[in-house]
Amino acid sequence: MIAVFESWARSALVHTLPNDATRHLTIPGYSIPVELILAGMGAFILAAVFAYGVRLREDVEATV
């Protein structure tokens, strides 16, 4: 949420400058951290695999 506000504020400040001053400026926009999202998804998948393994171990111990 803060990154979106920062991007909006930066854009608003750049638009207050004269056109000659903004000719060579670029505004870095909000970017989604894809690596962190993939790492989080990987952690959830790994947790699900371990939970499934624990359930299988409990089933095997119950049948023996």
PDB file of N, CA and C in Angstrom:
ATOM      1  N   MET A   1       0.830  -1.184   0.000  1.00  0.00           N
ATOM      2  CA  MET A   1       0.000   0.000   0.000  1.00  0.00           C
ATOM      3  C   MET A   1       0.875   1.249   0.000  1.00  0.00           C
ATOM      4  N   ILE A   2       1.965   1.197   0.760  1.00  0.00           N
ATOM      5  CA  ILE A   2       2.854   2.346   0.830  1.00  0.00           C
ATOM      6  C   ILE A   2       3.530   2.574  -0.519  1.00  0.00           C
ATOM      7  N   ALA A   3       3.888   1.489  -1.204  1.00  0.00           N
ATOM      8  CA  ALA A   3       4.551   1.633  -2.501  1.00  0.00           C
ATOM      9  C   ALA A   3       3.622   2.275  -3.524  1.00  0.00           C
ATOM     10  N   VAL A   4       2.351   1.943  -3.467  1.00  0.00           N
ATOM     11  CA  VAL A   4       1.384   2.549  -4.394  1.00  0.00           C
ATOM     12  C   VAL A   4       1.261   4.046  -4.101  1.00  0.00           C
ATOM     13  N   PHE A   5       1.177   4.408  -2.826  1.00  0.00           N
ATOM     14  CA  PHE A   5       1.097   5.825  -2.457  1.00  0.00           C
ATOM     15  C   PHE A   5       2.361   6.567  -2.878  1.00  0.00           C
ATOM     16  N   GLU A   6       3.525   5.937  -2.682  1.00  0.00           N
ATOM     17  CA  GLU A   6       4.786   6.568  -3.065  1.00  0.00           C
ATOM     18  C   GLU A   6       4.836   6.794  -4.576  1.00  0.00           C
ATOM     19  N   SER A   7       4.384   5.813  -5.340  1.00  0.00           N
ATOM     20  CA  SER A   7       4.357   5.958  -6.798  1.00  0.00           C
ATOM     21  C   SER A   7       3.420   7.079  -7.213  1.00  0.00           C
ATOM     22  N   TRP A   8       2.254   7.156  -6.582  1.00  0.00           N
ATOM     23  CA  TRP A   8       1.290   8.225  -6.891  1.00  0.00           C
ATOM     24  C   TRP A   8       1.875   9.590  -6.542  1.00  0.00           C
ATOM     25  N   ALA A   9       2.514   9.701  -5.378  1.00  0.00           N
ATOM     26  CA  ALA A   9       3.088  10.979  -4.954  1.00  0.00           C
ATOM     27  C   ALA A   9       4.230  11.401  -5.879  1.00  0.00           C
ATOM     28  N   ARG A  10       5.064  10.464  -6.280  1.00  0.00           N
ATOM     29  CA  ARG A  10       6.167  10.775  -7.187  1.00  0.00           C
ATOM     30  C   ARG A  10       5.635  11.258  -8.533  1.00  0.00           C
ATOM     31  N   SER A  11       4.600  10.593  -9.030  1.00  0.00           N
ATOM     32  CA  SER A  11       3.997  11.003 -10.296  1.00  0.00           C
ATOM     33  C   SER A  11       3.388  12.397 -10.179  1.00  0.00           C
ATOM     34  N   ALA A  12       2.726  12.673  -9.071  1.00  0.00           N
ATOM     35  CA  ALA A  12       2.113  13.984  -8.870  1.00  0.00           C
ATOM     36  C   ALA A  12       3.186  15.077  -8.790  1.00  0.00           C
ATOM     37  N   LEU A  13       4.305  14.799  -8.141  1.00  0.00           N
ATOM     38  CA  LEU A  13       5.374  15.786  -8.052  1.00  0.00           C
ATOM     39  C   LEU A  13       6.027  16.044  -9.405  1.00  0.00           C
ATOM     40  N   VAL A  14       6.199  15.012 -10.201  1.00  0.00           N
ATOM     41  CA  VAL A  14       6.817  15.191 -11.511  1.00  0.00           C
ATOM     42  C   VAL A  14       5.904  15.996 -12.421  1.00  0.00           C
ATOM     43  N   HIS A  15       4.595  15.815 -12.296  1.00  0.00           N
ATOM     44  CA  HIS A  15       3.661  16.552 -13.148  1.00  0.00           C
ATOM     45  C   HIS A  15       3.576  18.035 -12.773  1.00  0.00           C
ATOM     46  N   THR A  16       4.107  18.415 -11.617  1.00  0.00           N
ATOM     47  CA  THR A  16       4.116  19.826 -11.254  1.00  0.00           C
ATOM     48  C   THR A  16       5.296  20.571 -11.880  1.00  0.00           C
ATOM     49  N   LEU A  17       6.282  19.838 -12.407  1.00  0.00           N
ATOM     50  CA  LEU A  17       7.442  20.464 -13.038  1.00  0.00           C
ATOM     51  C   LEU A  17       7.073  20.966 -14.429  1.00  0.00           C
ATOM     52  N   PRO A  18       7.807  21.967 -14.929  1.00  0.00           N
ATOM     53  CA  PRO A  18       7.561  22.421 -16.303  1.00  0.00           C
ATOM     54  C   PRO A  18       7.886  21.316 -17.318  1.00  0.00           C
ATOM     55  N   ASN A  19       7.305  21.397 -18.492  1.00  0.00           N
ATOM     56  CA  ASN A  19       7.504  20.358 -19.505  1.00  0.00           C
ATOM     57  C   ASN A  19       8.963  20.224 -19.931  1.00  0.00           C
ATOM     58  N   ASP A  20       9.697  21.313 -19.972  1.00  0.00           N
ATOM     59  CA  ASP A  20      11.106  21.244 -20.364  1.00  0.00           C
ATOM     60  C   ASP A  20      11.933  20.452 -19.349  1.00  0.00           C
ATOM     61  N   ALA A  21      11.583  20.548 -18.096  1.00  0.00           N
ATOM     62  CA  ALA A  21      12.338  19.855 -17.050  1.00  0.00           C
ATOM     63  C   ALA A  21      12.018  18.364 -17.021  1.00  0.00           C
ATOM     64  N   THR A  22      10.838  17.991 -17.466  1.00  0.00           N
ATOM     65  CA  THR A  22      10.440  16.579 -17.386  1.00  0.00           C
ATOM     66  C   THR A  22      10.728  15.810 -18.664  1.00  0.00           C
ATOM     67  N   ARG A  23      11.368  16.429 -19.616  1.00  0.00           N
ATOM     68  CA  ARG A  23      11.610  15.770 -20.897  1.00  0.00           C
ATOM     69  C   ARG A  23      12.473  14.525 -20.746  1.00  0.00           C
ATOM     70  N   HIS A  24      13.483  14.554 -19.869  1.00  0.00           N
ATOM     71  CA  HIS A  24      14.406  13.431 -19.728  1.00  0.00           C
ATOM     72  C   HIS A  24      14.213  12.664 -18.420  1.00  0.00           C
ATOM     73  N   LEU A  25      13.153  12.936 -17.698  1.00  0.00           N
ATOM     74  CA  LEU A  25      12.905  12.226 -16.445  1.00  0.00           C
ATOM     75  C   LEU A  25      12.082  10.974 -16.711  1.00  0.00           C
ATOM     76  N   THR A  26      12.353   9.970 -15.957  1.00  0.00           N
ATOM     77  CA  THR A  26      11.525   8.762 -15.984  1.00  0.00           C
ATOM     78  C   THR A  26      11.027   8.504 -14.576  1.00  0.00           C
ATOM     79  N   ILE A  27       9.859   7.959 -14.476  1.00  0.00           N
ATOM     80  CA  ILE A  27       9.262   7.678 -13.180  1.00  0.00           C
ATOM     81  C   ILE A  27       9.262   6.169 -12.977  1.00  0.00           C
ATOM     82  N   PRO A  28      10.027   5.670 -12.012  1.00  0.00           N
ATOM     83  CA  PRO A  28       9.958   4.233 -11.754  1.00  0.00           C
ATOM     84  C   PRO A  28       8.619   3.906 -11.099  1.00  0.00           C
ATOM     85  N   GLY A  29       7.885   3.033 -11.713  1.00  0.00           N
ATOM     86  CA  GLY A  29       6.579   2.680 -11.186  1.00  0.00           C
ATOM     87  C   GLY A  29       6.657   1.587 -10.145  1.00  0.00           C
ATOM     88  N   TYR A  30       5.521   1.193  -9.658  1.00  0.00           N
ATOM     89  CA  TYR A  30       5.438   0.130  -8.664  1.00  0.00           C
ATOM     90  C   TYR A  30       5.684  -1.207  -9.354  1.00  0.00           C
ATOM     91  N   SER A  31       6.585  -1.988  -8.819  1.00  0.00           N
ATOM     92  CA  SER A  31       6.868  -3.299  -9.396  1.00  0.00           C
ATOM     93  C   SER A  31       6.533  -4.375  -8.369  1.00  0.00           C
ATOM     94  N   ILE A  32       6.006  -5.461  -8.860  1.00  0.00           N
ATOM     95  CA  ILE A  32       5.637  -6.578  -7.991  1.00  0.00           C
ATOM     96  C   ILE A  32       6.877  -7.441  -7.776  1.00  0.00           C
ATOM     97  N   PRO A  33       7.213  -7.744  -6.524  1.00  0.00           N
ATOM     98  CA  PRO A  33       8.398  -8.564  -6.260  1.00  0.00           C
ATOM     99  C   PRO A  33       8.111 -10.037  -6.572  1.00  0.00           C
ATOM    100  N   VAL A  34       8.326 -10.435  -7.823  1.00  0.00           N
ATOM    101  CA  VAL A  34       7.985 -11.781  -8.278  1.00  0.00           C
ATOM    102  C   VAL A  34       8.806 -12.838  -7.550  1.00  0.00           C
ATOM    103  N   GLU A  35      10.063 -12.550  -7.288  1.00  0.00           N
ATOM    104  CA  GLU A  35      10.910 -13.537  -6.618  1.00  0.00           C
ATOM    105  C   GLU A  35      10.386 -13.863  -5.223  1.00  0.00           C
ATOM    106  N   LEU A  36       9.937 -12.841  -4.504  1.00  0.00           N
ATOM    107  CA  LEU A  36       9.410 -13.083  -3.160  1.00  0.00           C
ATOM    108  C   LEU A  36       8.094 -13.849  -3.202  1.00  0.00           C
ATOM    109  N   ILE A  37       7.268 -13.563  -4.178  1.00  0.00           N
ATOM    110  CA  ILE A  37       6.005 -14.290  -4.316  1.00  0.00           C
ATOM    111  C   ILE A  37       6.280 -15.757  -4.620  1.00  0.00           C
ATOM    112  N   LEU A  38       7.216 -16.023  -5.534  1.00  0.00           N
ATOM    113  CA  LEU A  38       7.559 -17.411  -5.852  1.00  0.00           C
ATOM    114  C   LEU A  38       8.172 -18.127  -4.654  1.00  0.00           C
ATOM    115  N   ALA A  39       8.994 -17.431  -3.890  1.00  0.00           N
ATOM    116  CA  ALA A  39       9.587 -18.041  -2.699  1.00  0.00           C
ATOM    117  C   ALA A  39       8.511 -18.371  -1.671  1.00  0.00           C
ATOM    118  N   GLY A  40       7.550 -17.488  -1.508  1.00  0.00           N
ATOM    119  CA  GLY A  40       6.449 -17.755  -0.582  1.00  0.00           C
ATOM    120  C   GLY A  40       5.600 -18.929  -1.030  1.00  0.00           C
ATOM    121  N   MET A  41       5.309 -18.986  -2.325  1.00  0.00           N
ATOM    122  CA  MET A  41       4.541 -20.116  -2.844  1.00  0.00           C
ATOM    123  C   MET A  41       5.303 -21.421  -2.674  1.00  0.00           C
ATOM    124  N   GLY A  42       6.613 -21.371  -2.895  1.00  0.00           N
ATOM    125  CA  GLY A  42       7.432 -22.564  -2.702  1.00  0.00           C
ATOM    126  C   GLY A  42       7.418 -23.025  -1.253  1.00  0.00           C
ATOM    127  N   ALA A  43       7.443 -22.083  -0.320  1.00  0.00           N
ATOM    128  CA  ALA A  43       7.395 -22.440   1.101  1.00  0.00           C
ATOM    129  C   ALA A  43       6.065 -23.089   1.458  1.00  0.00           C
ATOM    130  N   PHE A  44       4.966 -22.550   0.907  1.00  0.00           N
ATOM    131  CA  PHE A  44       3.656 -23.155   1.176  1.00  0.00           C
ATOM    132  C   PHE A  44       3.546 -24.548   0.563  1.00  0.00           C
ATOM    133  N   ILE A  45       4.086 -24.731  -0.637  1.00  0.00           N
ATOM    134  CA  ILE A  45       4.056 -26.054  -1.271  1.00  0.00           C
ATOM    135  C   ILE A  45       4.890 -27.041  -0.477  1.00  0.00           C
ATOM    136  N   LEU A  46       6.061 -26.615  -0.027  1.00  0.00           N
ATOM    137  CA  LEU A  46       6.918 -27.486   0.777  1.00  0.00           C
ATOM    138  C   LEU A  46       6.243 -27.854   2.096  1.00  0.00           C
ATOM    139  N   ALA A  47       5.551 -26.903   2.709  1.00  0.00           N
ATOM    140  CA  ALA A  47       4.826 -27.196   3.952  1.00  0.00           C
ATOM    141  C   ALA A  47       3.707 -28.197   3.695  1.00  0.00           C
ATOM    142  N   ALA A  48       3.024 -28.070   2.558  1.00  0.00           N
ATOM    143  CA  ALA A  48       1.953 -29.019   2.231  1.00  0.00           C
ATOM    144  C   ALA A  48       2.524 -30.416   1.992  1.00  0.00           C
ATOM    145  N   VAL A  49       3.675 -30.503   1.359  1.00  0.00           N
ATOM    146  CA  VAL A  49       4.303 -31.810   1.117  1.00  0.00           C
ATOM    147  C   VAL A  49       4.703 -32.455   2.433  1.00  0.00           C
ATOM    148  N   PHE A  50       5.273 -31.686   3.343  1.00  0.00           N
ATOM    149  CA  PHE A  50       5.644 -32.244   4.646  1.00  0.00           C
ATOM    150  C   PHE A  50       4.408 -32.658   5.444  1.00  0.00           C
ATOM    151  N   ALA A  51       3.335 -31.880   5.374  1.00  0.00           N
ATOM    152  CA  ALA A  51       2.100 -32.250   6.075  1.00  0.00           C
ATOM    153  C   ALA A  51       1.539 -33.552   5.520  1.00  0.00           C
ATOM    154  N   TYR A  52       1.600 -33.716   4.203  1.00  0.00           N
ATOM    155  CA  TYR A  52       1.132 -34.959   3.583  1.00  0.00           C
ATOM    156  C   TYR A  52       2.012 -36.133   4.029  1.00  0.00           C
ATOM    157  N   GLY A  53       3.306 -35.915   4.119  1.00  0.00           N
ATOM    158  CA  GLY A  53       4.209 -36.958   4.590  1.00  0.00           C
ATOM    159  C   GLY A  53       3.922 -37.366   6.026  1.00  0.00           C
ATOM    160  N   VAL A  54       3.599 -36.404   6.870  1.00  0.00           N
ATOM    161  CA  VAL A  54       3.256 -36.714   8.264  1.00  0.00           C
ATOM    162  C   VAL A  54       1.977 -37.540   8.315  1.00  0.00           C
ATOM    163  N   ARG A  55       0.984 -37.184   7.485  1.00  0.00           N
ATOM    164  CA  ARG A  55      -0.254 -37.975   7.444  1.00  0.00           C
ATOM    165  C   ARG A  55       0.015 -39.392   6.964  1.00  0.00           C
ATOM    166  N   LEU A  56       0.879 -39.562   5.968  1.00  0.00           N
ATOM    167  CA  LEU A  56       1.206 -40.898   5.493  1.00  0.00           C
ATOM    168  C   LEU A  56       1.916 -41.711   6.565  1.00  0.00           C
ATOM    169  N   ARG A  57       2.824 -41.055   7.302  1.00  0.00           N
ATOM    170  CA  ARG A  57       3.538 -41.767   8.368  1.00  0.00           C
ATOM    171  C   ARG A  57       2.562 -42.226   9.449  1.00  0.00           C
ATOM    172  N   GLU A  58       1.607 -41.375   9.794  1.00  0.00           N
ATOM    173  CA  GLU A  58       0.611 -41.760  10.799  1.00  0.00           C
ATOM    174  C   GLU A  58      -0.246 -42.926  10.304  1.00  0.00           C
ATOM    175  N   ASP A  59      -0.594 -42.937   9.015  1.00  0.00           N
ATOM    176  CA  ASP A  59      -1.373 -44.047   8.459  1.00  0.00           C
ATOM    177  C   ASP A  59      -0.589 -45.347   8.486  1.00  0.00           C
ATOM    178  N   VAL A  60       0.708 -45.283   8.165  1.00  0.00           N
ATOM    179  CA  VAL A  60       1.534 -46.488   8.150  1.00  0.00           C
ATOM    180  C   VAL A  60       1.707 -47.017   9.571  1.00  0.00           C
ATOM    181  N   GLU A  61       1.907 -46.136  10.536  1.00  0.00           N
ATOM    182  CA  GLU A  61       2.067 -46.566  11.917  1.00  0.00           C
ATOM    183  C   GLU A  61       0.776 -47.160  12.460  1.00  0.00           C
ATOM    184  N   ALA A  62      -0.350 -46.690  11.996  1.00  0.00           N
ATOM    185  CA  ALA A  62      -1.624 -47.218  12.476  1.00  0.00           C
ATOM    186  C   ALA A  62      -1.910 -48.593  11.912  1.00  0.00           C
ATOM    187  N   THR A  63      -1.417 -48.902  10.703  1.00  0.00           N
ATOM    188  CA  THR A  63      -1.698 -50.200  10.106  1.00  0.00           C
ATOM    189  C   THR A  63      -0.736 -51.275  10.569  1.00  0.00           C
ATOM    190  N   VAL A  64       0.411 -50.925  11.100  1.00  0.00           N
ATOM    191  CA  VAL A  64       1.397 -51.914  11.515  1.00  0.00           C
ATOM    192  C   VAL A  64       1.105 -52.451  12.873  1.00  0.00           C
TER     193      VAL A  64
END
